[in-house]
Amino acid sequence: MDELLLREKLAKEAETPEAREFYLRSLIDDMALQLFTSAEEAQLERDIYDGFATNTLKSAADLSKVTMRVLSRYEQRTQLHPELANTWATKRLFYQDPMYLTNYLYAGLVAVKLFELSQLNDPTFQVRYRSLEEQGFGQDPLASLEATLGGKISWRRLVDEDVAFFDAQVTHLTRLR
């Protein structure tokens, strides 16, 4: 959430409309990374792990096929860029730090939601967030998040809410033009 807050602060303090737009665009780009790029990478990671577990991935060509199948769900016109099939080879976290990208997706969903809640100027959220930061790693993570977010976490609902917030931010930037 801190990097989102930083971009927002830079946009608010920008001295020119061009600088403000630059920082707002950067904020939206970061949210897009948290929500969409992370989903793509987590899906690719999962499909590769599943392919190895079921012994259906036996070659680089198999990895490339899985990669193109996943990317086609998230990217437009992947067929025009066959070099994207080798994307799997650039994802060293798959073997250096298994499940990192999947965990990053969940962290990104939470970060965008926390950022949204920070925009509401609700003093109870500020208290809950400060409590989350102060307790460190000694508490149950899910219970801590639920207390901070104000209720039981539904990941599907969180995705929907984050995407709606993202869309509102894009609309806001568009209106500034």
N, C-alpha and C. Protein backbone atom coordinates (compact mmCIF):
# COMPACT_ATOMS: atom_id res chain seq x y z
N MET A 1 0.82 -1.18 0.00
CA MET A 1 0.00 0.00 0.00
C MET A 1 0.87 1.26 0.00
N ASP A 2 2.03 1.17 0.59
CA ASP A 2 2.88 2.37 0.71
C ASP A 2 3.25 2.95 -0.65
N GLU A 3 3.54 2.09 -1.63
CA GLU A 3 3.90 2.64 -2.93
C GLU A 3 2.70 3.31 -3.60
N LEU A 4 1.50 2.83 -3.33
CA LEU A 4 0.31 3.49 -3.85
C LEU A 4 0.12 4.86 -3.18
N LEU A 5 0.31 4.88 -1.87
CA LEU A 5 0.20 6.15 -1.14
C LEU A 5 1.25 7.16 -1.61
N LEU A 6 2.45 6.68 -1.88
CA LEU A 6 3.51 7.58 -2.36
C LEU A 6 3.11 8.21 -3.69
N ARG A 7 2.62 7.40 -4.60
CA ARG A 7 2.23 7.93 -5.91
C ARG A 7 1.09 8.95 -5.77
N GLU A 8 0.15 8.64 -4.89
CA GLU A 8 -0.94 9.58 -4.65
C GLU A 8 -0.41 10.91 -4.09
N LYS A 9 0.49 10.83 -3.15
CA LYS A 9 1.08 12.03 -2.55
C LYS A 9 1.82 12.85 -3.61
N LEU A 10 2.59 12.18 -4.44
CA LEU A 10 3.31 12.89 -5.51
C LEU A 10 2.34 13.58 -6.47
N ALA A 11 1.22 12.92 -6.76
CA ALA A 11 0.22 13.53 -7.65
C ALA A 11 -0.39 14.77 -7.00
N LYS A 12 -0.70 14.67 -5.72
CA LYS A 12 -1.30 15.81 -5.02
C LYS A 12 -0.34 17.00 -4.93
N GLU A 13 0.94 16.71 -4.82
CA GLU A 13 1.94 17.76 -4.67
C GLU A 13 2.55 18.22 -5.99
N ALA A 14 2.11 17.63 -7.08
CA ALA A 14 2.67 17.99 -8.39
C ALA A 14 2.41 19.46 -8.69
N GLU A 15 3.40 20.08 -9.29
CA GLU A 15 3.31 21.52 -9.55
C GLU A 15 2.72 21.86 -10.91
N THR A 16 2.60 20.86 -11.77
CA THR A 16 2.01 21.11 -13.09
C THR A 16 0.95 20.05 -13.37
N PRO A 17 -0.01 20.36 -14.23
CA PRO A 17 -1.00 19.35 -14.60
C PRO A 17 -0.36 18.12 -15.24
N GLU A 18 0.71 18.34 -16.00
CA GLU A 18 1.40 17.22 -16.65
C GLU A 18 2.04 16.30 -15.61
N ALA A 19 2.65 16.89 -14.60
CA ALA A 19 3.26 16.08 -13.55
C ALA A 19 2.19 15.34 -12.76
N ARG A 20 1.08 16.02 -12.50
CA ARG A 20 -0.01 15.37 -11.76
C ARG A 20 -0.53 14.17 -12.55
N GLU A 21 -0.75 14.37 -13.85
CA GLU A 21 -1.22 13.26 -14.69
C GLU A 21 -0.20 12.12 -14.71
N PHE A 22 1.07 12.46 -14.78
CA PHE A 22 2.12 11.44 -14.78
C PHE A 22 2.02 10.57 -13.52
N TYR A 23 1.90 11.20 -12.36
CA TYR A 23 1.86 10.44 -11.11
C TYR A 23 0.55 9.67 -10.96
N LEU A 24 -0.56 10.24 -11.41
CA LEU A 24 -1.82 9.50 -11.36
C LEU A 24 -1.78 8.30 -12.29
N ARG A 25 -1.18 8.49 -13.46
CA ARG A 25 -1.02 7.37 -14.40
C ARG A 25 -0.13 6.29 -13.78
N SER A 26 0.91 6.71 -13.09
CA SER A 26 1.80 5.78 -12.40
C SER A 26 1.05 5.00 -11.32
N LEU A 27 0.17 5.69 -10.61
CA LEU A 27 -0.66 5.04 -9.59
C LEU A 27 -1.56 3.98 -10.23
N ILE A 28 -2.18 4.32 -11.33
CA ILE A 28 -3.05 3.37 -12.02
C ILE A 28 -2.24 2.20 -12.58
N ASP A 29 -1.07 2.50 -13.12
CA ASP A 29 -0.20 1.42 -13.61
C ASP A 29 0.16 0.45 -12.50
N ASP A 30 0.45 0.98 -11.32
CA ASP A 30 0.80 0.12 -10.19
C ASP A 30 -0.39 -0.73 -9.77
N MET A 31 -1.58 -0.13 -9.71
CA MET A 31 -2.77 -0.92 -9.37
C MET A 31 -3.02 -2.00 -10.43
N ALA A 32 -2.80 -1.66 -11.70
CA ALA A 32 -2.98 -2.65 -12.77
C ALA A 32 -2.01 -3.81 -12.58
N LEU A 33 -0.78 -3.50 -12.20
CA LEU A 33 0.20 -4.55 -11.91
C LEU A 33 -0.30 -5.44 -10.78
N GLN A 34 -0.76 -4.82 -9.69
CA GLN A 34 -1.22 -5.58 -8.53
C GLN A 34 -2.39 -6.49 -8.88
N LEU A 35 -3.30 -6.00 -9.71
CA LEU A 35 -4.53 -6.74 -9.98
C LEU A 35 -4.43 -7.67 -11.19
N PHE A 36 -3.90 -7.18 -12.28
CA PHE A 36 -3.99 -7.92 -13.53
C PHE A 36 -2.71 -8.68 -13.88
N THR A 37 -1.58 -8.02 -13.83
CA THR A 37 -0.32 -8.72 -14.13
C THR A 37 -0.08 -9.81 -13.10
N SER A 38 -0.37 -9.52 -11.84
CA SER A 38 -0.18 -10.53 -10.80
C SER A 38 -1.09 -11.73 -11.02
N ALA A 39 -2.31 -11.49 -11.47
CA ALA A 39 -3.23 -12.60 -11.74
C ALA A 39 -2.70 -13.47 -12.87
N GLU A 40 -2.20 -12.83 -13.92
CA GLU A 40 -1.62 -13.56 -15.05
C GLU A 40 -0.44 -14.41 -14.60
N GLU A 41 0.46 -13.82 -13.83
CA GLU A 41 1.64 -14.55 -13.39
C GLU A 41 1.28 -15.68 -12.42
N ALA A 42 0.33 -15.44 -11.54
CA ALA A 42 -0.09 -16.49 -10.60
C ALA A 42 -0.74 -17.64 -11.35
N GLN A 43 -1.54 -17.33 -12.37
CA GLN A 43 -2.18 -18.38 -13.17
C GLN A 43 -1.13 -19.20 -13.91
N LEU A 44 -0.14 -18.52 -14.48
CA LEU A 44 0.93 -19.23 -15.17
C LEU A 44 1.70 -20.12 -14.20
N GLU A 45 2.02 -19.57 -13.04
CA GLU A 45 2.74 -20.34 -12.03
C GLU A 45 1.94 -21.60 -11.66
N ARG A 46 0.66 -21.42 -11.39
CA ARG A 46 -0.18 -22.56 -11.00
C ARG A 46 -0.25 -23.60 -12.11
N ASP A 47 -0.47 -23.15 -13.35
CA ASP A 47 -0.59 -24.09 -14.45
C ASP A 47 0.71 -24.85 -14.70
N ILE A 48 1.84 -24.19 -14.52
CA ILE A 48 3.12 -24.88 -14.67
C ILE A 48 3.30 -25.91 -13.56
N TYR A 49 3.03 -25.53 -12.32
CA TYR A 49 3.15 -26.49 -11.22
C TYR A 49 2.19 -27.67 -11.42
N ASP A 50 0.97 -27.38 -11.84
CA ASP A 50 0.00 -28.45 -12.10
C ASP A 50 0.49 -29.37 -13.21
N GLY A 51 1.07 -28.77 -14.25
CA GLY A 51 1.58 -29.57 -15.37
C GLY A 51 2.70 -30.51 -14.95
N PHE A 52 3.56 -30.04 -14.06
CA PHE A 52 4.62 -30.92 -13.57
C PHE A 52 4.06 -31.98 -12.64
N ALA A 53 3.08 -31.62 -11.83
CA ALA A 53 2.49 -32.58 -10.90
C ALA A 53 1.76 -33.70 -11.64
N THR A 54 1.16 -33.38 -12.78
CA THR A 54 0.43 -34.38 -13.56
C THR A 54 1.29 -34.99 -14.66
N ASN A 55 2.56 -34.58 -14.71
CA ASN A 55 3.51 -35.11 -15.68
C ASN A 55 3.09 -34.82 -17.13
N THR A 56 2.43 -33.69 -17.34
CA THR A 56 2.04 -33.31 -18.71
C THR A 56 2.99 -32.29 -19.32
N LEU A 57 3.91 -31.78 -18.53
CA LEU A 57 4.93 -30.87 -19.06
C LEU A 57 6.25 -31.62 -19.12
N LYS A 58 6.72 -31.84 -20.34
CA LYS A 58 7.94 -32.63 -20.51
C LYS A 58 9.01 -31.91 -21.30
N SER A 59 8.68 -30.72 -21.81
CA SER A 59 9.65 -30.03 -22.67
C SER A 59 9.42 -28.52 -22.63
N ALA A 60 10.38 -27.81 -23.20
CA ALA A 60 10.24 -26.36 -23.32
C ALA A 60 9.03 -26.02 -24.20
N ALA A 61 8.78 -26.84 -25.20
CA ALA A 61 7.62 -26.60 -26.07
C ALA A 61 6.32 -26.71 -25.28
N ASP A 62 6.26 -27.68 -24.35
CA ASP A 62 5.07 -27.81 -23.50
C ASP A 62 4.89 -26.58 -22.62
N LEU A 63 6.00 -26.09 -22.06
CA LEU A 63 5.93 -24.88 -21.24
C LEU A 63 5.47 -23.68 -22.07
N SER A 64 5.93 -23.61 -23.29
CA SER A 64 5.53 -22.51 -24.18
C SER A 64 4.04 -22.58 -24.50
N LYS A 65 3.52 -23.78 -24.69
CA LYS A 65 2.08 -23.93 -24.97
C LYS A 65 1.25 -23.47 -23.78
N VAL A 66 1.64 -23.89 -22.59
CA VAL A 66 0.93 -23.47 -21.38
C VAL A 66 1.00 -21.95 -21.25
N THR A 67 2.16 -21.40 -21.50
CA THR A 67 2.34 -19.95 -21.39
C THR A 67 1.41 -19.21 -22.34
N MET A 68 1.35 -19.63 -23.57
CA MET A 68 0.49 -18.95 -24.55
C MET A 68 -0.99 -19.11 -24.19
N ARG A 69 -1.35 -20.27 -23.67
CA ARG A 69 -2.74 -20.48 -23.25
C ARG A 69 -3.12 -19.50 -22.13
N VAL A 70 -2.24 -19.36 -21.15
CA VAL A 70 -2.51 -18.44 -20.04
C VAL A 70 -2.50 -17.00 -20.52
N LEU A 71 -1.48 -16.62 -21.27
CA LEU A 71 -1.37 -15.23 -21.72
C LEU A 71 -2.56 -14.81 -22.58
N SER A 72 -3.09 -15.75 -23.35
CA SER A 72 -4.22 -15.40 -24.22
C SER A 72 -5.47 -15.03 -23.41
N ARG A 73 -5.53 -15.46 -22.15
CA ARG A 73 -6.65 -15.07 -21.28
C ARG A 73 -6.53 -13.62 -20.83
N TYR A 74 -5.33 -13.10 -20.81
CA TYR A 74 -5.08 -11.78 -20.24
C TYR A 74 -4.61 -10.74 -21.25
N GLU A 75 -4.03 -11.19 -22.32
CA GLU A 75 -3.43 -10.27 -23.30
C GLU A 75 -4.22 -10.32 -24.60
N GLN A 76 -4.24 -9.19 -25.28
CA GLN A 76 -4.87 -9.15 -26.59
C GLN A 76 -3.84 -9.50 -27.65
N ARG A 77 -4.25 -10.22 -28.63
CA ARG A 77 -3.44 -10.54 -29.81
C ARG A 77 -2.12 -11.25 -29.50
N THR A 78 -2.16 -12.19 -28.59
CA THR A 78 -0.93 -12.93 -28.31
C THR A 78 -0.44 -13.69 -29.54
N GLN A 79 -1.36 -14.08 -30.41
CA GLN A 79 -0.96 -14.82 -31.61
C GLN A 79 -0.07 -13.99 -32.52
N LEU A 80 -0.11 -12.66 -32.40
CA LEU A 80 0.76 -11.80 -33.21
C LEU A 80 2.17 -11.70 -32.64
N HIS A 81 2.36 -12.23 -31.45
CA HIS A 81 3.65 -12.15 -30.78
C HIS A 81 4.09 -13.53 -30.28
N PRO A 82 4.51 -14.39 -31.19
CA PRO A 82 4.88 -15.75 -30.79
C PRO A 82 6.05 -15.78 -29.80
N GLU A 83 6.84 -14.71 -29.75
CA GLU A 83 7.96 -14.68 -28.81
C GLU A 83 7.48 -14.70 -27.35
N LEU A 84 6.22 -14.34 -27.12
CA LEU A 84 5.68 -14.38 -25.76
C LEU A 84 5.62 -15.81 -25.20
N ALA A 85 5.68 -16.78 -26.08
CA ALA A 85 5.65 -18.18 -25.63
C ALA A 85 6.82 -18.49 -24.70
N ASN A 86 7.89 -17.74 -24.82
CA ASN A 86 9.07 -17.98 -23.98
C ASN A 86 9.03 -17.20 -22.66
N THR A 87 7.93 -16.56 -22.37
CA THR A 87 7.81 -15.79 -21.13
C THR A 87 8.12 -16.65 -19.91
N TRP A 88 7.72 -17.90 -19.94
CA TRP A 88 7.96 -18.80 -18.80
C TRP A 88 9.44 -18.82 -18.42
N ALA A 89 10.32 -18.69 -19.42
CA ALA A 89 11.76 -18.78 -19.16
C ALA A 89 12.29 -17.56 -18.40
N THR A 90 11.54 -16.48 -18.41
CA THR A 90 11.98 -15.27 -17.71
C THR A 90 11.48 -15.20 -16.27
N LYS A 91 10.69 -16.15 -15.86
CA LYS A 91 10.08 -16.14 -14.53
C LYS A 91 10.88 -17.01 -13.57
N ARG A 92 12.05 -16.57 -13.22
CA ARG A 92 12.92 -17.39 -12.37
C ARG A 92 12.36 -17.59 -10.96
N LEU A 93 11.42 -16.73 -10.54
CA LEU A 93 10.82 -16.93 -9.22
C LEU A 93 10.05 -18.24 -9.14
N PHE A 94 9.64 -18.78 -10.27
CA PHE A 94 8.93 -20.06 -10.26
C PHE A 94 9.75 -21.15 -9.58
N TYR A 95 11.05 -21.11 -9.79
CA TYR A 95 11.89 -22.14 -9.17
C TYR A 95 12.75 -21.60 -8.04
N GLN A 96 13.01 -20.29 -8.01
CA GLN A 96 13.80 -19.72 -6.91
C GLN A 96 12.97 -19.53 -5.65
N ASP A 97 11.72 -19.17 -5.82
CA ASP A 97 10.85 -18.87 -4.69
C ASP A 97 9.43 -19.32 -5.02
N PRO A 98 9.20 -20.63 -5.01
CA PRO A 98 7.89 -21.16 -5.41
C PRO A 98 6.75 -20.49 -4.64
N MET A 99 5.69 -20.24 -5.35
CA MET A 99 4.46 -19.62 -4.85
C MET A 99 4.60 -18.13 -4.56
N TYR A 100 5.75 -17.54 -4.85
CA TYR A 100 5.93 -16.11 -4.61
C TYR A 100 4.91 -15.30 -5.41
N LEU A 101 4.77 -15.60 -6.68
CA LEU A 101 3.88 -14.80 -7.52
C LEU A 101 2.42 -14.98 -7.11
N THR A 102 2.07 -16.17 -6.68
CA THR A 102 0.71 -16.39 -6.18
C THR A 102 0.48 -15.57 -4.91
N ASN A 103 1.44 -15.61 -4.01
CA ASN A 103 1.32 -14.82 -2.78
C ASN A 103 1.30 -13.33 -3.10
N TYR A 104 2.05 -12.91 -4.10
CA TYR A 104 2.09 -11.50 -4.49
C TYR A 104 0.71 -11.04 -4.96
N LEU A 105 -0.02 -11.93 -5.64
CA LEU A 105 -1.37 -11.59 -6.08
C LEU A 105 -2.25 -11.26 -4.88
N TYR A 106 -2.23 -12.12 -3.88
CA TYR A 106 -3.05 -11.87 -2.69
C TYR A 106 -2.61 -10.58 -1.99
N ALA A 107 -1.31 -10.38 -1.89
CA ALA A 107 -0.80 -9.16 -1.26
C ALA A 107 -1.25 -7.92 -2.04
N GLY A 108 -1.24 -8.01 -3.35
CA GLY A 108 -1.68 -6.89 -4.18
C GLY A 108 -3.15 -6.59 -4.02
N LEU A 109 -3.97 -7.64 -3.94
CA LEU A 109 -5.40 -7.44 -3.71
C LEU A 109 -5.64 -6.71 -2.39
N VAL A 110 -4.93 -7.13 -1.37
CA VAL A 110 -5.07 -6.49 -0.06
C VAL A 110 -4.55 -5.06 -0.11
N ALA A 111 -3.43 -4.83 -0.78
CA ALA A 111 -2.86 -3.48 -0.86
C ALA A 111 -3.82 -2.51 -1.53
N VAL A 112 -4.43 -2.93 -2.63
CA VAL A 112 -5.37 -2.05 -3.33
C VAL A 112 -6.58 -1.76 -2.43
N LYS A 113 -7.06 -2.76 -1.72
CA LYS A 113 -8.20 -2.55 -0.82
C LYS A 113 -7.82 -1.60 0.32
N LEU A 114 -6.65 -1.80 0.90
CA LEU A 114 -6.19 -0.91 1.96
C LEU A 114 -6.07 0.53 1.44
N PHE A 115 -5.55 0.67 0.24
CA PHE A 115 -5.44 2.00 -0.36
C PHE A 115 -6.82 2.62 -0.53
N GLU A 116 -7.76 1.84 -1.03
CA GLU A 116 -9.13 2.35 -1.19
C GLU A 116 -9.69 2.80 0.16
N LEU A 117 -9.53 1.97 1.18
CA LEU A 117 -10.04 2.33 2.50
C LEU A 117 -9.36 3.58 3.04
N SER A 118 -8.10 3.77 2.72
CA SER A 118 -7.38 4.96 3.19
C SER A 118 -7.95 6.23 2.57
N GLN A 119 -8.60 6.11 1.42
CA GLN A 119 -9.17 7.27 0.74
C GLN A 119 -10.46 7.75 1.38
N LEU A 120 -11.06 6.93 2.22
CA LEU A 120 -12.35 7.26 2.81
C LEU A 120 -12.25 8.21 3.99
N ASN A 121 -11.03 8.46 4.44
CA ASN A 121 -10.81 9.33 5.61
C ASN A 121 -11.63 8.88 6.82
N ASP A 122 -11.72 7.58 6.99
CA ASP A 122 -12.43 6.99 8.13
C ASP A 122 -11.44 6.81 9.27
N PRO A 123 -11.61 7.55 10.38
CA PRO A 123 -10.65 7.43 11.48
C PRO A 123 -10.59 6.03 12.08
N THR A 124 -11.67 5.25 11.97
CA THR A 124 -11.62 3.89 12.51
C THR A 124 -10.70 3.01 11.67
N PHE A 125 -10.65 3.27 10.35
CA PHE A 125 -9.72 2.51 9.51
C PHE A 125 -8.28 2.83 9.89
N GLN A 126 -8.01 4.09 10.11
CA GLN A 126 -6.65 4.49 10.49
C GLN A 126 -6.20 3.77 11.76
N VAL A 127 -7.10 3.65 12.72
CA VAL A 127 -6.78 2.94 13.97
C VAL A 127 -6.55 1.46 13.69
N ARG A 128 -7.42 0.86 12.88
CA ARG A 128 -7.28 -0.57 12.56
C ARG A 128 -5.97 -0.83 11.80
N TYR A 129 -5.63 0.05 10.86
CA TYR A 129 -4.41 -0.15 10.08
C TYR A 129 -3.18 0.01 10.96
N ARG A 130 -3.20 0.99 11.82
CA ARG A 130 -2.06 1.18 12.73
C ARG A 130 -1.89 -0.05 13.63
N SER A 131 -2.99 -0.60 14.09
CA SER A 131 -2.93 -1.81 14.92
C SER A 131 -2.31 -2.96 14.14
N LEU A 132 -2.68 -3.10 12.87
CA LEU A 132 -2.09 -4.15 12.02
C LEU A 132 -0.59 -3.98 11.93
N GLU A 133 -0.14 -2.77 11.68
CA GLU A 133 1.30 -2.52 11.57
C GLU A 133 2.03 -2.75 12.89
N GLU A 134 1.41 -2.39 13.99
CA GLU A 134 2.09 -2.50 15.28
C GLU A 134 2.19 -3.93 15.80
N GLN A 135 1.28 -4.79 15.40
CA GLN A 135 1.30 -6.14 15.96
C GLN A 135 2.36 -7.03 15.34
N GLY A 136 2.90 -6.63 14.21
CA GLY A 136 3.96 -7.43 13.60
C GLY A 136 3.46 -8.79 13.15
N PHE A 137 4.33 -9.78 13.25
CA PHE A 137 4.00 -11.11 12.74
C PHE A 137 3.53 -12.06 13.83
N GLY A 138 3.24 -11.54 15.00
CA GLY A 138 2.85 -12.39 16.12
C GLY A 138 1.40 -12.83 16.12
N GLN A 139 0.60 -12.31 15.22
CA GLN A 139 -0.82 -12.61 15.20
C GLN A 139 -1.17 -13.48 13.99
N ASP A 140 -2.34 -14.08 14.05
CA ASP A 140 -2.85 -14.85 12.92
C ASP A 140 -3.07 -13.90 11.74
N PRO A 141 -2.44 -14.16 10.59
CA PRO A 141 -2.53 -13.23 9.46
C PRO A 141 -3.96 -12.98 8.97
N LEU A 142 -4.74 -14.05 8.83
CA LEU A 142 -6.09 -13.88 8.31
C LEU A 142 -6.95 -13.08 9.29
N ALA A 143 -6.86 -13.41 10.56
CA ALA A 143 -7.63 -12.67 11.57
C ALA A 143 -7.22 -11.20 11.59
N SER A 144 -5.93 -10.94 11.46
CA SER A 144 -5.44 -9.56 11.45
C SER A 144 -5.98 -8.79 10.25
N LEU A 145 -5.95 -9.43 9.08
CA LEU A 145 -6.47 -8.77 7.88
C LEU A 145 -7.97 -8.53 7.99
N GLU A 146 -8.68 -9.52 8.49
CA GLU A 146 -10.13 -9.35 8.63
C GLU A 146 -10.46 -8.22 9.59
N ALA A 147 -9.70 -8.10 10.67
CA ALA A 147 -9.93 -7.00 11.62
C ALA A 147 -9.64 -5.66 10.94
N THR A 148 -8.60 -5.61 10.14
CA THR A 148 -8.21 -4.35 9.48
C THR A 148 -9.20 -3.98 8.38
N LEU A 149 -9.62 -4.97 7.61
CA LEU A 149 -10.54 -4.69 6.50
C LEU A 149 -11.98 -4.54 6.97
N GLY A 150 -12.25 -4.93 8.20
CA GLY A 150 -13.58 -4.71 8.76
C GLY A 150 -14.56 -5.84 8.55
N GLY A 151 -14.08 -7.06 8.36
CA GLY A 151 -14.99 -8.19 8.21
C GLY A 151 -14.32 -9.38 7.56
N LYS A 152 -15.09 -10.44 7.43
CA LYS A 152 -14.60 -11.68 6.83
C LYS A 152 -14.19 -11.42 5.39
N ILE A 153 -13.08 -12.01 5.00
CA ILE A 153 -12.56 -11.81 3.65
C ILE A 153 -13.19 -12.80 2.68
N SER A 154 -13.77 -12.26 1.63
CA SER A 154 -14.20 -13.05 0.48
C SER A 154 -13.29 -12.61 -0.66
N TRP A 155 -12.43 -13.51 -1.12
CA TRP A 155 -11.47 -13.12 -2.16
C TRP A 155 -12.17 -12.71 -3.45
N ARG A 156 -13.26 -13.39 -3.77
CA ARG A 156 -14.01 -13.04 -4.98
C ARG A 156 -14.57 -11.62 -4.86
N ARG A 157 -15.15 -11.31 -3.70
CA ARG A 157 -15.68 -9.97 -3.48
C ARG A 157 -14.55 -8.93 -3.51
N LEU A 158 -13.42 -9.29 -2.91
CA LEU A 158 -12.28 -8.38 -2.88
C LEU A 158 -11.80 -8.06 -4.30
N VAL A 159 -11.75 -9.07 -5.15
CA VAL A 159 -11.37 -8.84 -6.55
C VAL A 159 -12.36 -7.88 -7.20
N ASP A 160 -13.65 -8.16 -7.04
CA ASP A 160 -14.68 -7.30 -7.64
C ASP A 160 -14.58 -5.86 -7.14
N GLU A 161 -14.39 -5.70 -5.83
CA GLU A 161 -14.29 -4.36 -5.26
C GLU A 161 -13.03 -3.64 -5.74
N ASP A 162 -11.92 -4.37 -5.80
CA ASP A 162 -10.67 -3.76 -6.27
C ASP A 162 -10.78 -3.33 -7.73
N VAL A 163 -11.39 -4.16 -8.55
CA VAL A 163 -11.54 -3.81 -9.97
C VAL A 163 -12.46 -2.61 -10.12
N ALA A 164 -13.53 -2.56 -9.33
CA ALA A 164 -14.43 -1.40 -9.38
C ALA A 164 -13.69 -0.13 -8.96
N PHE A 165 -12.87 -0.23 -7.93
CA PHE A 165 -12.08 0.92 -7.48
C PHE A 165 -11.08 1.33 -8.57
N PHE A 166 -10.42 0.34 -9.17
CA PHE A 166 -9.49 0.61 -10.27
C PHE A 166 -10.20 1.34 -11.40
N ASP A 167 -11.37 0.84 -11.80
CA ASP A 167 -12.13 1.48 -12.87
C ASP A 167 -12.48 2.93 -12.53
N ALA A 168 -12.84 3.17 -11.27
CA ALA A 168 -13.15 4.54 -10.84
C ALA A 168 -11.92 5.44 -10.94
N GLN A 169 -10.76 4.89 -10.62
CA GLN A 169 -9.53 5.68 -10.72
C GLN A 169 -9.20 6.00 -12.18
N VAL A 170 -9.42 5.05 -13.06
CA VAL A 170 -9.20 5.28 -14.49
C VAL A 170 -10.16 6.36 -15.00
N THR A 171 -11.42 6.27 -14.59
CA THR A 171 -12.41 7.28 -14.98
C THR A 171 -12.00 8.66 -14.48
N HIS A 172 -11.53 8.72 -13.25
CA HIS A 172 -11.08 9.99 -12.67
C HIS A 172 -9.93 10.58 -13.50
N LEU A 173 -8.96 9.75 -13.86
CA LEU A 173 -7.84 10.23 -14.66
C LEU A 173 -8.32 10.70 -16.03
N THR A 174 -9.24 9.97 -16.62
CA THR A 174 -9.77 10.33 -17.94
C THR A 174 -10.45 11.70 -17.89
N ARG A 175 -11.16 11.97 -16.81
CA ARG A 175 -11.86 13.26 -16.68
C ARG A 175 -10.90 14.43 -16.52
N LEU A 176 -9.71 14.16 -16.04
CA LEU A 176 -8.73 15.23 -15.86
C LEU A 176 -8.19 15.74 -17.19
N ARG A 177 -8.34 14.97 -18.22
CA ARG A 177 -7.79 15.34 -19.53
C ARG A 177 -8.62 16.36 -20.23
